[in-house]
Amino acid sequence: MKWYLKVLRQYADFNGRARRKEYWMFVLFNIVFALVAMFFDNILGLTVAELPYGVFYFAYVLAVFIPGLAAAVRRLHDIGRSGWMILIGLIPIIGGIWLLVLMVTEGTSGENKYGSDPKATFALEI
């Protein structure tokens, strides 16, 4: 949960680097909270037409769109790629697969042009 809150605290911070753990824990909690929002939409009858989601889901997705985008950009920075590489996901099928491969790739050790190694910084905090 601390990784999810860390991403939310860095709401629109597109600078620096994000570890794999930070990014994927954010994705995990994001999916869980989106499912909970979808559940409440269905229970309260707030769904849109025949779709399984509604007001709560759309509000949640809108609230975490910028932090999620910032976390993805910082994740790409960790592997030494430009944040603009996120746009590769717009290429049908292959773009999404390649973006997934980039997101699971281990970050560069040591400092790169986007900042210091977040693993080394995290180790110093403990």
C-alpha atoms as a PDB file:
ATOM      1  CA  MET A   1       0.000   0.000   0.000  1.00  0.00           C
ATOM      2  CA  LYS A   2       2.939   2.334   0.675  1.00  0.00           C
ATOM      3  CA  TRP A   3       3.962   2.091  -2.988  1.00  0.00           C
ATOM      4  CA  TYR A   4       0.459   3.078  -4.098  1.00  0.00           C
ATOM      5  CA  LEU A   5       0.505   6.079  -1.761  1.00  0.00           C
ATOM      6  CA  LYS A   6       4.011   7.014  -2.924  1.00  0.00           C
ATOM      7  CA  VAL A   7       2.769   7.251  -6.503  1.00  0.00           C
ATOM      8  CA  LEU A   8      -0.211   9.345  -5.407  1.00  0.00           C
ATOM      9  CA  ARG A   9       2.080  11.697  -3.449  1.00  0.00           C
ATOM     10  CA  GLN A  10       4.153  12.170  -6.600  1.00  0.00           C
ATOM     11  CA  TYR A  11       0.906  13.079  -8.404  1.00  0.00           C
ATOM     12  CA  ALA A  12       2.318  14.764 -11.516  1.00  0.00           C
ATOM     13  CA  ASP A  13       6.050  14.190 -11.034  1.00  0.00           C
ATOM     14  CA  PHE A  14       7.351  13.003 -14.396  1.00  0.00           C
ATOM     15  CA  ASN A  15      11.010  13.398 -13.347  1.00  0.00           C
ATOM     16  CA  GLY A  16      13.178  10.745 -11.775  1.00  0.00           C
ATOM     17  CA  ARG A  17      12.962   6.993 -11.751  1.00  0.00           C
ATOM     18  CA  ALA A  18      10.567   4.372 -10.394  1.00  0.00           C
ATOM     19  CA  ARG A  19      11.477   0.821  -9.426  1.00  0.00           C
ATOM     20  CA  ARG A  20       9.616  -2.157 -10.840  1.00  0.00           C
ATOM     21  CA  LYS A  21       8.157  -2.838  -7.416  1.00  0.00           C
ATOM     22  CA  GLU A  22       6.777   0.703  -7.123  1.00  0.00           C
ATOM     23  CA  TYR A  23       5.161   0.550 -10.559  1.00  0.00           C
ATOM     24  CA  TRP A  24       3.697  -2.958 -10.309  1.00  0.00           C
ATOM     25  CA  MET A  25       2.385  -2.498  -6.758  1.00  0.00           C
ATOM     26  CA  PHE A  26       0.645   0.653  -7.980  1.00  0.00           C
ATOM     27  CA  VAL A  27      -0.836  -1.327 -10.887  1.00  0.00           C
ATOM     28  CA  LEU A  28      -1.998  -4.098  -8.537  1.00  0.00           C
ATOM     29  CA  PHE A  29      -3.739  -1.733  -6.107  1.00  0.00           C
ATOM     30  CA  ASN A  30      -5.112   0.269  -9.016  1.00  0.00           C
ATOM     31  CA  ILE A  31      -6.805  -2.847 -10.413  1.00  0.00           C
ATOM     32  CA  VAL A  32      -8.211  -3.792  -7.002  1.00  0.00           C
ATOM     33  CA  PHE A  33      -9.625  -0.295  -6.372  1.00  0.00           C
ATOM     34  CA  ALA A  34     -11.077  -0.135  -9.901  1.00  0.00           C
ATOM     35  CA  LEU A  35     -12.841  -3.458  -9.307  1.00  0.00           C
ATOM     36  CA  VAL A  36     -14.207  -2.190  -5.986  1.00  0.00           C
ATOM     37  CA  ALA A  37     -15.488   0.962  -7.714  1.00  0.00           C
ATOM     38  CA  MET A  38     -17.081  -1.215 -10.406  1.00  0.00           C
ATOM     39  CA  PHE A  39     -18.684  -3.360  -7.689  1.00  0.00           C
ATOM     40  CA  PHE A  40     -20.218  -0.282  -6.018  1.00  0.00           C
ATOM     41  CA  ASP A  41     -21.496   0.958  -9.374  1.00  0.00           C
ATOM     42  CA  ASN A  42     -23.262  -2.367  -9.918  1.00  0.00           C
ATOM     43  CA  ILE A  43     -24.653  -2.622  -6.386  1.00  0.00           C
ATOM     44  CA  LEU A  44     -26.027   0.937  -6.441  1.00  0.00           C
ATOM     45  CA  GLY A  45     -27.307   0.655 -10.017  1.00  0.00           C
ATOM     46  CA  LEU A  46     -25.113   3.471 -11.309  1.00  0.00           C
ATOM     47  CA  THR A  47     -23.855   1.626 -14.362  1.00  0.00           C
ATOM     48  CA  VAL A  48     -23.912   3.202 -17.800  1.00  0.00           C
ATOM     49  CA  ALA A  49     -26.332   1.380 -20.132  1.00  0.00           C
ATOM     50  CA  GLU A  50     -25.219  -2.264 -20.380  1.00  0.00           C
ATOM     51  CA  LEU A  51     -21.626  -1.570 -19.288  1.00  0.00           C
ATOM     52  CA  PRO A  52     -20.445  -2.997 -15.937  1.00  0.00           C
ATOM     53  CA  TYR A  53     -19.082   0.351 -14.726  1.00  0.00           C
ATOM     54  CA  GLY A  54     -20.411   3.789 -13.990  1.00  0.00           C
ATOM     55  CA  VAL A  55     -19.912   6.932 -11.923  1.00  0.00           C
ATOM     56  CA  PHE A  56     -17.575   5.611  -9.202  1.00  0.00           C
ATOM     57  CA  TYR A  57     -15.390   3.798 -11.719  1.00  0.00           C
ATOM     58  CA  PHE A  58     -15.094   6.808 -14.026  1.00  0.00           C
ATOM     59  CA  ALA A  59     -14.332   9.127 -11.091  1.00  0.00           C
ATOM     60  CA  TYR A  60     -11.620   6.770  -9.839  1.00  0.00           C
ATOM     61  CA  VAL A  61     -10.038   6.328 -13.272  1.00  0.00           C
ATOM     62  CA  LEU A  62     -10.049  10.084 -13.816  1.00  0.00           C
ATOM     63  CA  ALA A  63      -8.442  10.658 -10.396  1.00  0.00           C
ATOM     64  CA  VAL A  64      -5.549   8.230 -10.953  1.00  0.00           C
ATOM     65  CA  PHE A  65      -4.911   8.826 -14.655  1.00  0.00           C
ATOM     66  CA  ILE A  66      -2.154  11.447 -14.170  1.00  0.00           C
ATOM     67  CA  PRO A  67      -0.393   9.593 -11.294  1.00  0.00           C
ATOM     68  CA  GLY A  68      -0.470   6.370 -13.327  1.00  0.00           C
ATOM     69  CA  LEU A  69       0.957   8.099 -16.370  1.00  0.00           C
ATOM     70  CA  ALA A  70       3.673   9.723 -14.237  1.00  0.00           C
ATOM     71  CA  ALA A  71       4.576   6.353 -12.660  1.00  0.00           C
ATOM     72  CA  ALA A  72       4.825   4.741 -16.104  1.00  0.00           C
ATOM     73  CA  VAL A  73       7.082   7.537 -17.360  1.00  0.00           C
ATOM     74  CA  ARG A  74       9.316   7.242 -14.281  1.00  0.00           C
ATOM     75  CA  ARG A  75       9.416   3.470 -14.823  1.00  0.00           C
ATOM     76  CA  LEU A  76      10.628   4.011 -18.388  1.00  0.00           C
ATOM     77  CA  HIS A  77      13.223   6.450 -17.054  1.00  0.00           C
ATOM     78  CA  ASP A  78      14.508   3.678 -14.757  1.00  0.00           C
ATOM     79  CA  ILE A  79      15.443   1.549 -17.757  1.00  0.00           C
ATOM     80  CA  GLY A  80      17.050   4.510 -19.500  1.00  0.00           C
ATOM     81  CA  ARG A  81      14.213   5.189 -21.950  1.00  0.00           C
ATOM     82  CA  SER A  82      12.425   8.447 -22.671  1.00  0.00           C
ATOM     83  CA  GLY A  83       8.963   8.886 -21.200  1.00  0.00           C
ATOM     84  CA  TRP A  84       7.688   9.397 -24.734  1.00  0.00           C
ATOM     85  CA  MET A  85       8.172   5.644 -25.241  1.00  0.00           C
ATOM     86  CA  ILE A  86       4.793   5.291 -23.503  1.00  0.00           C
ATOM     87  CA  LEU A  87       3.273   6.187 -26.870  1.00  0.00           C
ATOM     88  CA  ILE A  88       4.513   2.888 -28.292  1.00  0.00           C
ATOM     89  CA  GLY A  89       1.513   1.366 -26.535  1.00  0.00           C
ATOM     90  CA  LEU A  90      -0.712   3.001 -29.161  1.00  0.00           C
ATOM     91  CA  ILE A  91       0.537   0.562 -31.805  1.00  0.00           C
ATOM     92  CA  PRO A  92      -2.046  -2.252 -31.929  1.00  0.00           C
ATOM     93  CA  ILE A  93      -1.026  -5.527 -30.262  1.00  0.00           C
ATOM     94  CA  ILE A  94       2.758  -5.272 -30.740  1.00  0.00           C
ATOM     95  CA  GLY A  95       2.978  -1.882 -29.007  1.00  0.00           C
ATOM     96  CA  GLY A  96       1.259  -3.169 -25.883  1.00  0.00           C
ATOM     97  CA  ILE A  97       3.429  -6.260 -25.765  1.00  0.00           C
ATOM     98  CA  TRP A  98       6.613  -4.223 -26.211  1.00  0.00           C
ATOM     99  CA  LEU A  99       5.512  -1.768 -23.515  1.00  0.00           C
ATOM    100  CA  LEU A 100       4.874  -4.695 -21.157  1.00  0.00           C
ATOM    101  CA  VAL A 101       8.373  -6.015 -21.879  1.00  0.00           C
ATOM    102  CA  LEU A 102       9.818  -2.576 -21.106  1.00  0.00           C
ATOM    103  CA  MET A 103       7.875  -2.324 -17.844  1.00  0.00           C
ATOM    104  CA  VAL A 104       9.143  -5.684 -16.549  1.00  0.00           C
ATOM    105  CA  THR A 105      12.757  -5.029 -17.544  1.00  0.00           C
ATOM    106  CA  GLU A 106      15.112  -4.443 -14.631  1.00  0.00           C
ATOM    107  CA  GLY A 107      16.255  -0.846 -14.275  1.00  0.00           C
ATOM    108  CA  THR A 108      19.779   0.276 -14.999  1.00  0.00           C
ATOM    109  CA  SER A 109      21.985   0.028 -11.937  1.00  0.00           C
ATOM    110  CA  GLY A 110      23.708   3.183 -10.873  1.00  0.00           C
ATOM    111  CA  GLU A 111      22.899   6.650 -12.059  1.00  0.00           C
ATOM    112  CA  ASN A 112      21.537   7.328 -15.528  1.00  0.00           C
ATOM    113  CA  LYS A 113      20.530  10.575 -17.254  1.00  0.00           C
ATOM    114  CA  TYR A 114      17.160  10.557 -15.442  1.00  0.00           C
ATOM    115  CA  GLY A 115      18.525  10.381 -11.907  1.00  0.00           C
ATOM    116  CA  SER A 116      20.054   8.164  -9.280  1.00  0.00           C
ATOM    117  CA  ASP A 117      19.267   4.482  -8.857  1.00  0.00           C
ATOM    118  CA  PRO A 118      16.048   4.159  -6.799  1.00  0.00           C
ATOM    119  CA  LYS A 119      17.176   0.769  -5.449  1.00  0.00           C
ATOM    120  CA  ALA A 120      20.342   2.300  -4.006  1.00  0.00           C
ATOM    121  CA  THR A 121      18.377   5.223  -2.582  1.00  0.00           C
ATOM    122  CA  PHE A 122      15.842   2.851  -1.026  1.00  0.00           C
ATOM    123  CA  ALA A 123      18.622   0.756   0.533  1.00  0.00           C
ATOM    124  CA  LEU A 124      20.081   3.861   2.151  1.00  0.00           C
ATOM    125  CA  GLU A 125      16.702   4.793   3.695  1.00  0.00           C
ATOM    126  CA  ILE A 126      16.443   1.467   5.583  1.00  0.00           C
END
